[in-house]
């Protein structure tokens, strides 16, 4: 995992194709289908610039957003000031999650789990989410699949251009581990019309469905559903993103 020191400034511009309102409403439908707890405290884990936090707060959830990147959270707080929504933001590593109370719903969207470098990191996150979940609390998250890493991201290069920046996104697939190393070169337009060059780099790792499900079970979750590519249909061999829905049945806490 690494910060998005430069990427944060242009994250919303470069992900403008994502319909956050639609994604938030999709999560809301899942929550309505499976929720059993009484309260509406929702943790947006790895919340980034707060786009989904804003949608979920607008729907009526009591939202806490957590992210490791100060730069991303700075953008999220700016949105909060503009919207006036009552969202609490915390700068934390999700592998060391520390909440002040229990959570009814945790969501972790846009392949944030893939940014964890090892199964042990995934284990830590799942165990932390379970520990701070209400009994019967929901955990909803998505992951990029092995298929996407091997066939879509792979060793490909993508370019993006907006009014303020030109970005070259270069991927390198490590076949033995299904890790994709990503290097982003940013050419930022200055006031004088010239461009300055900066870069960010990070990586994503794909995990098998079997490993994800085993870690969920060991952390105290019951798997309720798996959906493919933001639908309510089961994943297929060519699914690029799987959405997992799990319920906490054992958070490991003996005292309340």
Protein backbone atom coordinates (compact mmCIF):
# COMPACT_ATOMS: atom_id res chain seq x y z
CA UNK A 1 0.00 0.00 0.00
CA UNK A 2 1.25 3.53 -0.71
CA UNK A 3 0.01 7.08 -0.63
CA UNK A 4 -1.42 8.92 -3.60
CA UNK A 5 0.63 12.09 -3.19
CA UNK A 6 0.12 13.27 -6.77
CA UNK A 7 -2.75 11.01 -7.84
CA UNK A 8 -5.01 12.49 -5.13
CA UNK A 9 -5.05 15.87 -6.87
CA UNK A 10 -6.43 14.37 -10.06
CA UNK A 11 -8.19 11.27 -8.78
CA UNK A 12 -11.71 12.60 -9.32
CA UNK A 13 -10.87 13.91 -12.80
CA UNK A 14 -9.29 10.62 -13.86
CA UNK A 15 -12.14 8.50 -12.45
CA UNK A 16 -14.93 10.69 -13.81
CA UNK A 17 -16.31 7.65 -15.64
CA UNK A 18 -17.35 6.07 -12.33
CA UNK A 19 -20.99 6.71 -11.45
CA UNK A 20 -20.65 7.01 -7.67
CA UNK A 21 -24.34 7.72 -7.18
CA UNK A 22 -25.23 4.49 -8.97
CA UNK A 23 -22.64 2.52 -6.97
CA UNK A 24 -23.93 3.96 -3.70
CA UNK A 25 -27.49 3.09 -4.59
CA UNK A 26 -26.32 -0.43 -5.51
CA UNK A 27 -24.75 -0.85 -2.06
CA UNK A 28 -27.95 0.55 -0.53
CA UNK A 29 -30.01 -2.14 -2.25
CA UNK A 30 -27.67 -4.84 -0.92
CA UNK A 31 -27.91 -3.39 2.59
CA UNK A 32 -31.72 -3.31 2.47
CA UNK A 33 -31.74 -6.93 1.38
CA UNK A 34 -29.50 -8.29 4.13
CA UNK A 35 -29.36 -5.81 7.03
CA UNK A 36 -30.47 -7.09 10.46
CA UNK A 37 -28.98 -4.56 12.89
CA UNK A 38 -31.02 -1.63 14.20
CA UNK A 39 -28.68 1.32 13.66
CA UNK A 40 -27.28 2.87 10.47
CA UNK A 41 -23.63 3.49 11.32
CA UNK A 42 -21.68 2.88 8.13
CA UNK A 43 -17.90 2.65 7.79
CA UNK A 44 -16.52 3.53 4.35
CA UNK A 45 -13.17 1.76 4.50
CA UNK A 46 -10.46 3.14 2.20
CA UNK A 47 -12.85 5.98 1.39
CA UNK A 48 -10.44 7.89 -0.85
CA UNK A 49 -11.78 11.31 -1.81
CA UNK A 50 -15.11 10.57 -0.15
CA UNK A 51 -17.33 10.22 -3.21
CA UNK A 52 -19.15 7.11 -1.96
CA UNK A 53 -19.20 8.47 1.61
CA UNK A 54 -21.08 11.50 0.26
CA UNK A 55 -23.63 9.32 -1.52
CA UNK A 56 -24.22 7.05 1.48
CA UNK A 57 -24.55 10.02 3.85
CA UNK A 58 -27.02 11.59 1.43
CA UNK A 59 -29.11 8.41 1.53
CA UNK A 60 -29.27 8.67 5.31
CA UNK A 61 -26.44 6.60 6.78
CA UNK A 62 -24.25 7.84 9.63
CA UNK A 63 -20.94 7.66 7.77
CA UNK A 64 -17.38 7.32 9.04
CA UNK A 65 -14.75 7.43 6.30
CA UNK A 66 -11.30 5.93 6.86
CA UNK A 67 -8.29 6.24 4.57
CA UNK A 68 -4.52 6.07 4.91
CA UNK A 69 -3.84 8.97 2.52
CA UNK A 70 -3.83 12.48 3.99
CA UNK A 71 -4.07 13.85 0.46
CA UNK A 72 -7.18 11.82 -0.36
CA UNK A 73 -8.83 12.78 2.92
CA UNK A 74 -8.09 16.43 2.24
CA UNK A 75 -10.17 16.17 -0.92
CA UNK A 76 -12.91 14.33 0.98
CA UNK A 77 -13.09 17.06 3.63
CA UNK A 78 -13.41 19.73 0.93
CA UNK A 79 -16.45 17.84 -0.45
CA UNK A 80 -17.90 17.60 3.06
CA UNK A 81 -17.60 21.38 3.52
CA UNK A 82 -19.34 21.94 0.18
CA UNK A 83 -22.18 19.47 0.81
CA UNK A 84 -22.67 20.14 4.52
CA UNK A 85 -23.11 16.42 5.19
CA UNK A 86 -22.18 15.13 8.64
CA UNK A 87 -19.38 12.71 7.75
CA UNK A 88 -16.53 11.89 10.11
CA UNK A 89 -13.15 11.23 8.48
CA UNK A 90 -10.23 9.40 10.11
CA UNK A 91 -6.70 8.87 8.81
CA UNK A 92 -5.93 5.23 9.56
CA UNK A 93 -4.30 2.18 8.04
CA UNK A 94 -7.12 -0.32 7.59
CA UNK A 95 -4.76 -3.06 8.75
CA UNK A 96 -4.70 -1.27 12.12
CA UNK A 97 -8.33 -0.17 12.25
CA UNK A 98 -9.37 1.41 15.57
CA UNK A 99 -12.97 2.53 16.00
CA UNK A 100 -14.59 4.14 19.04
CA UNK A 101 -17.57 1.80 18.91
CA UNK A 102 -19.21 -0.88 16.83
CA UNK A 103 -20.29 -0.52 13.19
CA UNK A 104 -23.49 -1.77 11.54
CA UNK A 105 -22.27 -1.77 7.95
CA UNK A 106 -18.76 -1.68 6.49
CA UNK A 107 -18.19 -1.10 2.79
CA UNK A 108 -14.84 -1.23 1.03
CA UNK A 109 -15.16 -0.32 -2.62
CA UNK A 110 -13.18 0.16 -5.83
CA UNK A 111 -10.71 -2.70 -5.38
CA UNK A 112 -9.19 -1.31 -2.19
CA UNK A 113 -8.69 -4.86 -0.91
CA UNK A 114 -6.46 -5.49 -3.94
CA UNK A 115 -4.08 -2.81 -2.67
CA UNK A 116 -3.22 -5.06 0.27
CA UNK A 117 0.12 -6.69 -0.44
CA UNK A 118 -0.44 -10.12 1.11
CA UNK A 119 -3.04 -12.56 2.38
CA UNK A 120 -1.83 -11.76 5.88
CA UNK A 121 -2.75 -8.10 5.31
CA UNK A 122 -6.19 -9.18 4.08
CA UNK A 123 -6.55 -11.35 7.18
CA UNK A 124 -5.76 -8.40 9.45
CA UNK A 125 -8.34 -6.20 7.73
CA UNK A 126 -11.06 -8.86 7.90
CA UNK A 127 -10.35 -9.54 11.57
CA UNK A 128 -10.39 -5.82 12.40
CA UNK A 129 -13.66 -5.28 10.55
CA UNK A 130 -15.18 -8.24 12.40
CA UNK A 131 -13.94 -6.96 15.78
CA UNK A 132 -15.61 -3.58 15.30
CA UNK A 133 -18.78 -4.94 13.69
CA UNK A 134 -22.05 -5.33 15.51
CA UNK A 135 -23.19 -8.93 15.77
CA UNK A 136 -25.08 -9.48 12.48
CA UNK A 137 -23.31 -6.45 11.01
CA UNK A 138 -22.68 -6.43 7.26
CA UNK A 139 -19.36 -6.31 5.42
CA UNK A 140 -19.64 -5.47 1.71
CA UNK A 141 -16.53 -5.17 -0.42
CA UNK A 142 -15.38 -5.66 -4.00
CA UNK A 143 -12.18 -7.08 -5.46
CA UNK A 144 -10.67 -7.17 -8.91
CA UNK A 145 -10.48 -10.75 -10.10
CA UNK A 146 -7.61 -12.91 -11.29
CA UNK A 147 -9.15 -12.68 -14.76
CA UNK A 148 -8.96 -8.88 -14.73
CA UNK A 149 -5.36 -8.84 -13.56
CA UNK A 150 -4.24 -11.40 -16.12
CA UNK A 151 -6.28 -10.20 -19.12
CA UNK A 152 -7.37 -6.57 -18.68
CA UNK A 153 -4.79 -4.79 -16.52
CA UNK A 154 -1.93 -7.14 -17.40
CA UNK A 155 1.03 -5.43 -19.11
CA UNK A 156 -1.07 -2.72 -20.68
CA UNK A 157 -0.60 1.02 -20.85
CA UNK A 158 -3.48 3.50 -20.65
CA UNK A 159 -3.54 7.25 -21.26
CA UNK A 160 -5.91 9.84 -19.82
CA UNK A 161 -6.18 13.50 -20.67
CA UNK A 162 -8.17 16.21 -18.89
CA UNK A 163 -8.02 19.98 -18.98
CA UNK A 164 -5.39 20.03 -16.23
CA UNK A 165 -3.30 16.89 -16.64
CA UNK A 166 -2.11 14.24 -19.07
CA UNK A 167 -1.57 10.84 -17.42
CA UNK A 168 0.27 7.77 -18.70
CA UNK A 169 -0.70 4.68 -16.66
CA UNK A 170 1.68 1.76 -17.24
CA UNK A 171 1.03 -1.70 -15.80
CA UNK A 172 3.46 -4.57 -15.27
CA UNK A 173 2.04 -7.99 -14.42
CA UNK A 174 4.03 -10.31 -12.16
CA UNK A 175 2.71 -13.70 -13.35
CA UNK A 176 3.84 -15.77 -10.35
CA UNK A 177 1.89 -13.63 -7.86
CA UNK A 178 -0.81 -12.00 -10.02
CA UNK A 179 0.39 -8.64 -8.79
CA UNK A 180 0.10 -5.68 -11.13
CA UNK A 181 2.67 -2.95 -10.55
CA UNK A 182 1.33 0.43 -11.66
CA UNK A 183 3.35 3.49 -12.55
CA UNK A 184 1.56 6.76 -13.25
CA UNK A 185 3.33 9.61 -15.01
CA UNK A 186 1.58 12.97 -14.67
CA UNK A 187 2.19 15.91 -16.97
CA UNK A 188 0.61 18.84 -15.15
CA UNK A 189 -0.23 22.09 -16.92
CA UNK A 190 1.34 25.12 -15.27
CA UNK A 191 0.02 28.69 -15.38
CA UNK A 192 2.58 29.59 -18.05
CA UNK A 193 1.22 26.85 -20.33
CA UNK A 194 4.21 24.56 -19.83
CA UNK A 195 3.98 21.10 -18.24
CA UNK A 196 5.73 19.69 -15.16
CA UNK A 197 6.30 15.95 -14.82
CA UNK A 198 5.65 13.96 -11.63
CA UNK A 199 4.81 10.36 -10.89
CA UNK A 200 3.12 8.00 -8.43
CA UNK A 201 3.42 4.25 -8.20
CA UNK A 202 1.56 1.50 -6.37
CA UNK A 203 0.49 -2.07 -6.92
CA UNK A 204 -2.57 -4.28 -6.74
CA UNK A 205 -2.70 -8.00 -6.06
CA UNK A 206 -5.48 -10.39 -7.07
CA UNK A 207 -6.64 -13.07 -4.66
CA UNK A 208 -8.57 -16.25 -5.39
CA UNK A 209 -12.19 -16.62 -4.37
CA UNK A 210 -11.19 -19.60 -2.24
CA UNK A 211 -8.64 -17.56 -0.27
CA UNK A 212 -11.05 -14.66 0.25
CA UNK A 213 -13.82 -16.95 1.47
CA UNK A 214 -11.51 -18.87 3.81
CA UNK A 215 -10.25 -15.65 5.40
CA UNK A 216 -13.80 -14.35 5.81
CA UNK A 217 -14.88 -17.53 7.59
CA UNK A 218 -11.82 -17.55 9.84
CA UNK A 219 -12.44 -13.91 10.78
CA UNK A 220 -15.97 -14.67 11.94
CA UNK A 221 -18.05 -13.85 8.86
CA UNK A 222 -20.77 -15.81 7.10
CA UNK A 223 -20.74 -15.35 3.33
CA UNK A 224 -24.21 -14.27 2.19
CA UNK A 225 -23.70 -13.56 -1.51
CA UNK A 226 -21.21 -13.02 -4.33
CA UNK A 227 -22.15 -10.79 -7.24
CA UNK A 228 -20.37 -10.14 -10.52
CA UNK A 229 -19.58 -6.69 -11.91
CA UNK A 230 -22.03 -4.63 -9.83
CA UNK A 231 -25.05 -6.78 -10.67
CA UNK A 232 -27.13 -9.21 -8.65
CA UNK A 233 -25.93 -12.09 -10.81
CA UNK A 234 -23.29 -14.65 -9.77
CA UNK A 235 -19.74 -14.11 -11.07
CA UNK A 236 -18.53 -15.91 -14.18
CA UNK A 237 -15.10 -16.86 -15.53
CA UNK A 238 -14.79 -13.44 -17.20
CA UNK A 239 -16.09 -11.34 -14.30
CA UNK A 240 -13.76 -8.41 -13.66
CA UNK A 241 -15.04 -7.41 -10.22
CA UNK A 242 -16.66 -9.56 -7.53
CA UNK A 243 -18.79 -7.98 -4.82
CA UNK A 244 -18.81 -9.98 -1.57
CA UNK A 245 -21.57 -9.66 1.02
CA UNK A 246 -20.84 -11.12 4.45
CA UNK A 247 -22.43 -11.02 7.91
CA UNK A 248 -20.49 -10.94 11.18
CA UNK A 249 -21.49 -13.92 13.30
CA UNK A 250 -18.50 -13.85 15.67
CA UNK A 251 -16.59 -10.61 16.27
CA UNK A 252 -14.39 -12.15 18.94
CA UNK A 253 -15.59 -9.75 21.63
CA UNK A 254 -16.73 -11.11 24.95
CA UNK A 255 -17.49 -7.73 26.55
CA UNK A 256 -19.70 -4.90 25.36
